[in-house]
């Protein structure tokens, strides 16, 4: 699998004007850190260039595929539930 690397030049103009954001809300630092709660990580993940590069990585590495019948993208291992009669 090809390694995922963000193109620094591609995201530079989007990431450098980031406003002040919190990264770690833990009161007790012995608790595990959760990136899902990071305002910084969520803001970066929302950038169009990051979304585009992540999509290209997933597509090129066949982690996702286009389902022609559904006309949507699905995970590589996704299988619909068998029809129940």
N, C-alpha and C. Protein backbone atom coordinates (compact mmCIF):
# COMPACT_ATOMS: atom_id res chain seq x y z
N UNK A 1 0.84 -1.17 0.00
CA UNK A 1 0.00 0.00 0.00
C UNK A 1 0.89 1.24 0.00
N UNK A 2 0.52 2.18 -0.83
CA UNK A 2 1.26 3.42 -0.92
C UNK A 2 1.05 4.24 0.37
N UNK A 3 2.12 4.81 0.90
CA UNK A 3 2.03 5.60 2.13
C UNK A 3 1.21 6.87 1.90
N UNK A 4 0.50 7.29 2.93
CA UNK A 4 -0.28 8.52 2.84
C UNK A 4 0.55 9.68 3.32
N UNK A 5 0.76 10.63 2.45
CA UNK A 5 1.48 11.85 2.80
C UNK A 5 0.71 13.04 2.24
N UNK A 6 0.44 13.99 3.11
CA UNK A 6 -0.21 15.22 2.65
C UNK A 6 0.81 16.06 1.89
N UNK A 7 0.37 16.67 0.82
CA UNK A 7 1.23 17.56 0.05
C UNK A 7 1.29 18.90 0.78
N UNK A 8 2.45 19.20 1.35
CA UNK A 8 2.62 20.41 2.17
C UNK A 8 2.24 21.67 1.41
N UNK A 9 2.69 21.78 0.18
CA UNK A 9 2.39 22.97 -0.61
C UNK A 9 0.90 23.11 -0.89
N UNK A 10 0.23 21.98 -1.04
CA UNK A 10 -1.19 21.98 -1.35
C UNK A 10 -2.03 22.48 -0.17
N UNK A 11 -1.64 22.13 1.05
CA UNK A 11 -2.46 22.52 2.21
C UNK A 11 -1.98 23.80 2.90
N UNK A 12 -0.79 24.29 2.54
CA UNK A 12 -0.20 25.45 3.23
C UNK A 12 -1.15 26.64 3.30
N UNK A 13 -1.75 27.01 2.20
CA UNK A 13 -2.61 28.19 2.18
C UNK A 13 -3.89 28.00 2.97
N UNK A 14 -4.31 26.76 3.16
CA UNK A 14 -5.53 26.51 3.91
C UNK A 14 -5.27 26.38 5.41
N UNK A 15 -4.13 25.83 5.77
CA UNK A 15 -3.90 25.50 7.19
C UNK A 15 -3.28 26.66 7.97
N UNK A 16 -2.50 27.50 7.33
CA UNK A 16 -1.80 28.55 8.08
C UNK A 16 -2.71 29.62 8.67
N UNK A 17 -3.91 29.89 8.12
CA UNK A 17 -4.77 30.87 8.79
C UNK A 17 -5.67 30.26 9.88
N UNK A 18 -5.30 29.09 10.42
CA UNK A 18 -6.11 28.44 11.43
C UNK A 18 -6.33 29.37 12.63
N UNK A 19 -7.58 29.49 13.08
CA UNK A 19 -7.86 30.33 14.26
C UNK A 19 -7.42 29.61 15.53
N UNK A 20 -7.43 30.29 16.67
CA UNK A 20 -7.09 29.64 17.94
C UNK A 20 -8.09 28.50 18.25
N UNK A 21 -7.58 27.30 18.47
CA UNK A 21 -8.41 26.13 18.74
C UNK A 21 -7.79 25.29 19.84
N UNK A 22 -8.64 24.58 20.59
CA UNK A 22 -8.17 23.66 21.64
C UNK A 22 -7.86 22.31 21.01
N UNK A 23 -6.84 21.65 21.57
CA UNK A 23 -6.45 20.32 21.08
C UNK A 23 -6.72 19.25 22.12
N UNK A 24 -6.55 19.57 23.37
CA UNK A 24 -6.62 18.56 24.42
C UNK A 24 -7.54 19.05 25.54
N UNK A 25 -8.69 18.41 25.66
CA UNK A 25 -9.67 18.80 26.68
C UNK A 25 -9.60 17.94 27.94
N UNK A 26 -8.64 17.03 28.00
CA UNK A 26 -8.57 16.15 29.17
C UNK A 26 -8.26 16.95 30.43
N UNK A 27 -9.01 16.67 31.48
CA UNK A 27 -8.71 17.25 32.79
C UNK A 27 -7.67 16.36 33.46
N UNK A 28 -7.89 15.07 33.34
CA UNK A 28 -6.98 14.08 33.91
C UNK A 28 -6.07 13.57 32.78
N UNK A 29 -4.81 14.02 32.78
CA UNK A 29 -3.88 13.68 31.69
C UNK A 29 -3.50 12.20 31.67
N UNK A 30 -3.91 11.44 32.69
CA UNK A 30 -3.63 10.00 32.67
C UNK A 30 -4.65 9.25 31.79
N UNK A 31 -5.75 9.94 31.43
CA UNK A 31 -6.73 9.34 30.52
C UNK A 31 -6.17 9.34 29.11
N UNK A 32 -6.57 8.37 28.28
CA UNK A 32 -6.07 8.34 26.91
C UNK A 32 -6.58 9.55 26.11
N UNK A 33 -5.73 10.05 25.24
CA UNK A 33 -6.10 11.19 24.39
C UNK A 33 -7.03 10.71 23.29
N UNK A 34 -8.03 11.50 22.94
CA UNK A 34 -9.00 11.16 21.90
C UNK A 34 -9.00 12.25 20.83
N UNK A 35 -8.43 11.93 19.66
CA UNK A 35 -8.37 12.91 18.57
C UNK A 35 -9.74 13.37 18.10
N UNK A 36 -10.77 12.55 18.31
CA UNK A 36 -12.12 12.92 17.89
C UNK A 36 -12.63 14.14 18.64
N UNK A 37 -12.04 14.43 19.79
CA UNK A 37 -12.45 15.59 20.59
C UNK A 37 -11.56 16.81 20.36
N UNK A 38 -10.57 16.69 19.49
CA UNK A 38 -9.63 17.79 19.22
C UNK A 38 -10.23 18.76 18.21
N UNK A 39 -10.39 20.02 18.63
CA UNK A 39 -10.85 21.05 17.69
C UNK A 39 -9.84 21.24 16.56
N UNK A 40 -8.55 21.15 16.90
CA UNK A 40 -7.50 21.31 15.89
C UNK A 40 -7.58 20.20 14.84
N UNK A 41 -7.64 18.94 15.28
CA UNK A 41 -7.71 17.82 14.34
C UNK A 41 -8.98 17.89 13.50
N UNK A 42 -10.11 18.24 14.11
CA UNK A 42 -11.36 18.35 13.36
C UNK A 42 -11.31 19.48 12.34
N UNK A 43 -10.68 20.59 12.70
CA UNK A 43 -10.57 21.72 11.77
C UNK A 43 -9.68 21.33 10.58
N UNK A 44 -8.55 20.69 10.86
CA UNK A 44 -7.65 20.26 9.78
C UNK A 44 -8.35 19.25 8.87
N UNK A 45 -9.08 18.31 9.47
CA UNK A 45 -9.78 17.29 8.68
C UNK A 45 -10.88 17.89 7.81
N UNK A 46 -11.34 19.09 8.14
CA UNK A 46 -12.40 19.71 7.36
C UNK A 46 -11.88 20.46 6.13
N UNK A 47 -10.57 20.62 6.01
CA UNK A 47 -10.00 21.37 4.89
C UNK A 47 -10.21 20.64 3.57
N UNK A 48 -10.64 21.35 2.51
CA UNK A 48 -10.88 20.70 1.22
C UNK A 48 -9.67 19.95 0.68
N UNK A 49 -8.47 20.50 0.81
CA UNK A 49 -7.29 19.82 0.26
C UNK A 49 -7.00 18.53 1.03
N UNK A 50 -7.25 18.52 2.33
CA UNK A 50 -7.03 17.32 3.13
C UNK A 50 -8.06 16.26 2.73
N UNK A 51 -9.31 16.67 2.60
CA UNK A 51 -10.37 15.73 2.18
C UNK A 51 -10.05 15.13 0.81
N UNK A 52 -9.62 15.99 -0.13
CA UNK A 52 -9.30 15.51 -1.48
C UNK A 52 -8.15 14.52 -1.46
N UNK A 53 -7.07 14.85 -0.74
CA UNK A 53 -5.92 13.96 -0.70
C UNK A 53 -6.23 12.64 0.00
N UNK A 54 -7.04 12.69 1.05
CA UNK A 54 -7.43 11.47 1.75
C UNK A 54 -8.30 10.59 0.85
N UNK A 55 -9.24 11.21 0.12
CA UNK A 55 -10.07 10.46 -0.81
C UNK A 55 -9.20 9.81 -1.90
N UNK A 56 -8.28 10.56 -2.48
CA UNK A 56 -7.40 10.02 -3.51
C UNK A 56 -6.58 8.85 -2.97
N UNK A 57 -6.07 8.97 -1.74
CA UNK A 57 -5.31 7.89 -1.13
C UNK A 57 -6.18 6.64 -1.00
N UNK A 58 -7.38 6.80 -0.45
CA UNK A 58 -8.27 5.65 -0.26
C UNK A 58 -8.65 5.02 -1.60
N UNK A 59 -8.90 5.84 -2.59
CA UNK A 59 -9.28 5.33 -3.91
C UNK A 59 -8.10 4.63 -4.60
N UNK A 60 -6.95 5.26 -4.61
CA UNK A 60 -5.77 4.68 -5.27
C UNK A 60 -5.32 3.38 -4.62
N UNK A 61 -5.54 3.26 -3.31
CA UNK A 61 -5.14 2.04 -2.60
C UNK A 61 -6.28 1.03 -2.48
N UNK A 62 -7.35 1.30 -3.23
CA UNK A 62 -8.49 0.39 -3.31
C UNK A 62 -9.11 0.09 -1.94
N UNK A 63 -9.12 1.10 -1.07
CA UNK A 63 -9.78 0.98 0.22
C UNK A 63 -11.27 1.28 0.09
N UNK A 64 -11.62 2.01 -0.97
CA UNK A 64 -13.01 2.30 -1.30
C UNK A 64 -13.22 1.97 -2.77
N UNK A 65 -14.48 1.81 -3.14
CA UNK A 65 -14.80 1.53 -4.54
C UNK A 65 -16.15 2.15 -4.86
N UNK A 66 -16.38 2.41 -6.14
CA UNK A 66 -17.65 2.96 -6.57
C UNK A 66 -18.59 1.81 -6.90
N UNK A 67 -19.75 1.79 -6.27
CA UNK A 67 -20.75 0.77 -6.54
C UNK A 67 -21.65 1.30 -7.65
N UNK A 68 -21.54 0.69 -8.83
CA UNK A 68 -22.29 1.16 -9.99
C UNK A 68 -23.80 1.00 -9.82
N UNK A 69 -24.22 -0.02 -9.11
CA UNK A 69 -25.66 -0.22 -8.91
C UNK A 69 -26.24 0.86 -7.98
N UNK A 70 -25.55 1.11 -6.88
CA UNK A 70 -26.02 2.11 -5.92
C UNK A 70 -25.66 3.53 -6.32
N UNK A 71 -24.67 3.65 -7.23
CA UNK A 71 -24.15 4.96 -7.64
C UNK A 71 -23.62 5.75 -6.44
N UNK A 72 -22.93 5.02 -5.55
CA UNK A 72 -22.30 5.63 -4.37
C UNK A 72 -20.97 4.93 -4.13
N UNK A 73 -20.13 5.56 -3.31
CA UNK A 73 -18.87 4.97 -2.90
C UNK A 73 -19.11 4.14 -1.65
N UNK A 74 -18.42 3.01 -1.56
CA UNK A 74 -18.52 2.11 -0.41
C UNK A 74 -17.13 1.64 -0.03
N UNK A 75 -16.99 1.16 1.21
CA UNK A 75 -15.73 0.58 1.63
C UNK A 75 -15.44 -0.67 0.82
N UNK A 76 -14.18 -0.97 0.61
CA UNK A 76 -13.77 -2.11 -0.22
C UNK A 76 -14.45 -3.41 0.21
N UNK A 77 -14.58 -3.63 1.52
CA UNK A 77 -15.14 -4.88 2.03
C UNK A 77 -16.63 -4.80 2.30
N UNK A 78 -17.28 -3.70 1.94
CA UNK A 78 -18.71 -3.56 2.22
C UNK A 78 -19.50 -4.54 1.36
N UNK A 79 -20.45 -5.19 1.99
CA UNK A 79 -21.38 -6.09 1.31
C UNK A 79 -22.78 -5.80 1.83
N UNK A 80 -23.73 -5.68 0.91
CA UNK A 80 -25.10 -5.45 1.38
C UNK A 80 -25.64 -6.69 2.07
N UNK A 81 -26.55 -6.48 2.97
CA UNK A 81 -27.21 -7.61 3.62
C UNK A 81 -27.94 -8.41 2.55
N UNK A 82 -27.90 -9.74 2.64
CA UNK A 82 -28.66 -10.52 1.67
C UNK A 82 -30.16 -10.24 1.81
N UNK A 83 -30.82 -10.23 0.69
CA UNK A 83 -32.27 -9.96 0.69
C UNK A 83 -32.99 -11.05 1.46
N UNK A 84 -33.88 -10.62 2.33
CA UNK A 84 -34.66 -11.59 3.10
C UNK A 84 -36.04 -11.74 2.45
N UNK A 85 -36.49 -12.99 2.35
CA UNK A 85 -37.79 -13.21 1.72
C UNK A 85 -38.87 -13.45 2.72
